[in-house]
Amino acid sequence: MSVKVDLDKLAETLADFPFGYLITVGDDFRAHTVAVTPILADGVFTIGPLGNTTRRNALSHEAVTVLWPPREPTGYSLIVDGTTEVTEDGVHLTPTRAVLHRSAIEPGAGTDPDGLHDCVPLKH
C-alpha cells in the first residue's frame, strides 16, 4: 500500500539530511547502495550521475529506496521509497512513501508497542 507523501513536509525535513544512499536491486536480488545528494523539485528527486550498475538496476527494477542516515546515533533516519525514471544524466525518483525511523531508546517508546522502532510517517 502506498502512503501519500506530504511533499511540503518532506522538503522541510530534507534540510536536516545532507546526503543519502540510493538503494537499487539487481536481477540477482542483491542490493546495490551508492552515496547520493538528491535534489527535490516539484515533488520529484533528481539523482545523478549514476554508475553502470545503478543505472542497469534502475532500468530493470524501478522501485528504489533512498536512505538518509541520522546526524547522531539517537537521531532519525529518513527513508523514502519511490519509483524511478532513468534519464541521460541519472534518475528522476517519484516518492511513494516516506518515514522518519529510529531504534527505540527504551521498550514501549514511540509508535511500536514492542519498543523496537520509533517511526513517524510523513503523510497528509
Protein backbone atom coordinates (compact mmCIF):
# COMPACT_ATOMS: atom_id res chain seq x y z
CA MET A 1 0.00 0.00 0.00
CA SER A 2 1.31 3.45 -0.89
CA VAL A 3 1.09 6.24 1.65
CA LYS A 4 0.62 9.73 0.24
CA VAL A 5 3.71 11.78 0.94
CA ASP A 6 3.32 15.30 2.26
CA LEU A 7 5.88 16.84 -0.10
CA ASP A 8 5.93 20.15 1.77
CA LYS A 9 6.91 18.34 4.95
CA LEU A 10 9.39 16.17 3.06
CA ALA A 11 11.11 19.25 1.62
CA GLU A 12 11.38 20.77 5.12
CA THR A 13 12.67 17.51 6.55
CA LEU A 14 15.43 17.23 3.93
CA ALA A 15 17.15 20.30 5.39
CA ASP A 16 18.40 18.08 8.23
CA PHE A 17 19.91 15.45 5.90
CA PRO A 18 22.92 16.50 3.76
CA PHE A 19 23.37 13.22 1.82
CA GLY A 20 21.76 9.84 1.42
CA TYR A 21 22.20 6.38 -0.01
CA LEU A 22 20.34 5.21 -3.12
CA ILE A 23 19.47 1.53 -2.85
CA THR A 24 18.65 -0.38 -6.02
CA VAL A 25 18.21 -4.11 -6.61
CA GLY A 26 19.78 -6.20 -9.36
CA ASP A 27 18.34 -9.17 -11.22
CA ASP A 28 20.05 -11.40 -8.63
CA PHE A 29 18.01 -9.59 -5.88
CA ARG A 30 21.18 -8.24 -4.26
CA ALA A 31 21.03 -4.67 -3.03
CA HIS A 32 23.39 -2.12 -4.55
CA THR A 33 23.95 1.03 -2.48
CA VAL A 34 25.63 4.30 -3.51
CA ALA A 35 26.01 7.67 -1.77
CA VAL A 36 23.94 10.42 -3.41
CA THR A 37 22.79 14.00 -2.92
CA PRO A 38 19.22 14.03 -4.29
CA ILE A 39 17.61 17.33 -5.26
CA LEU A 40 13.85 17.67 -4.69
CA ALA A 41 11.95 19.94 -7.08
CA ASP A 42 8.25 19.86 -7.95
CA GLY A 43 7.73 16.66 -5.97
CA VAL A 44 10.42 14.66 -7.81
CA PHE A 45 14.01 13.89 -6.81
CA THR A 46 16.79 14.23 -9.38
CA ILE A 47 19.74 11.94 -8.68
CA GLY A 48 22.83 11.72 -10.83
CA PRO A 49 25.17 10.99 -12.33
CA LEU A 50 24.88 7.21 -11.98
CA GLY A 51 27.33 4.36 -12.34
CA ASN A 52 26.65 1.46 -14.68
CA THR A 53 25.32 -0.93 -12.01
CA THR A 54 22.93 1.62 -10.51
CA ARG A 55 21.68 2.62 -13.97
CA ARG A 56 21.17 -1.02 -15.02
CA ASN A 57 19.34 -1.83 -11.76
CA ALA A 58 17.05 1.22 -12.02
CA LEU A 59 16.19 0.31 -15.62
CA SER A 60 15.30 -3.27 -14.64
CA HIS A 61 13.64 -2.55 -11.27
CA GLU A 62 12.07 0.89 -10.97
CA ALA A 63 11.24 0.56 -7.24
CA VAL A 64 14.11 2.05 -5.22
CA THR A 65 14.81 3.46 -1.76
CA VAL A 66 16.85 6.42 -0.60
CA LEU A 67 18.08 6.30 2.99
CA TRP A 68 19.44 9.41 4.70
CA PRO A 69 21.32 8.46 7.88
CA PRO A 70 20.83 10.39 11.13
CA ARG A 71 23.32 13.07 12.13
CA GLU A 72 23.72 11.42 15.55
CA PRO A 73 23.24 7.80 16.70
CA THR A 74 19.96 8.51 18.51
CA GLY A 75 18.51 10.59 15.68
CA TYR A 76 16.06 9.66 12.97
CA SER A 77 16.96 8.24 9.57
CA LEU A 78 14.84 9.44 6.65
CA ILE A 79 13.68 6.63 4.35
CA VAL A 80 11.97 7.42 1.04
CA ASP A 81 10.63 4.71 -1.27
CA GLY A 82 9.73 5.56 -4.82
CA THR A 83 9.76 4.74 -8.49
CA THR A 84 12.40 5.86 -10.94
CA GLU A 85 12.60 7.06 -14.49
CA VAL A 86 16.12 6.72 -15.89
CA THR A 87 17.41 9.76 -17.80
CA GLU A 88 20.64 10.55 -19.63
CA ASP A 89 22.01 12.28 -16.53
CA GLY A 90 20.70 9.94 -13.81
CA VAL A 91 17.22 9.19 -12.48
CA HIS A 92 14.07 11.02 -11.52
CA LEU A 93 12.57 9.46 -8.40
CA THR A 94 8.90 9.99 -7.57
CA PRO A 95 8.31 9.35 -3.85
CA THR A 96 5.56 6.92 -2.89
CA ARG A 97 6.30 6.67 0.84
CA ALA A 98 8.46 8.49 3.37
CA VAL A 99 9.17 7.78 7.02
CA LEU A 100 11.45 9.02 9.75
CA HIS A 101 12.81 5.96 11.56
CA ARG A 102 14.99 5.23 14.56
CA SER A 103 15.50 2.40 17.00
CA ALA A 104 13.52 2.93 20.17
CA ILE A 105 15.60 4.09 23.10
CA GLU A 106 13.56 2.06 25.61
CA PRO A 107 10.81 -0.58 25.38
CA GLY A 108 7.40 0.90 24.72
CA ALA A 109 8.81 4.15 23.32
CA GLY A 110 7.46 5.61 20.11
CA THR A 111 4.78 4.11 17.93
CA ASP A 112 5.88 0.44 18.10
CA PRO A 113 4.24 -1.37 21.05
CA ASP A 114 7.22 -3.75 21.28
CA GLY A 115 9.59 -0.80 21.62
CA LEU A 116 11.74 -1.93 18.70
CA HIS A 117 11.23 1.10 16.45
CA ASP A 118 10.12 4.70 16.60
CA CYS A 119 8.70 5.63 13.18
CA VAL A 120 6.99 8.81 12.06
CA PRO A 121 5.26 8.54 8.65
CA LEU A 122 5.42 11.69 6.54
CA LYS A 123 1.91 11.87 5.11
CA HIS A 124 -1.16 14.10 4.87
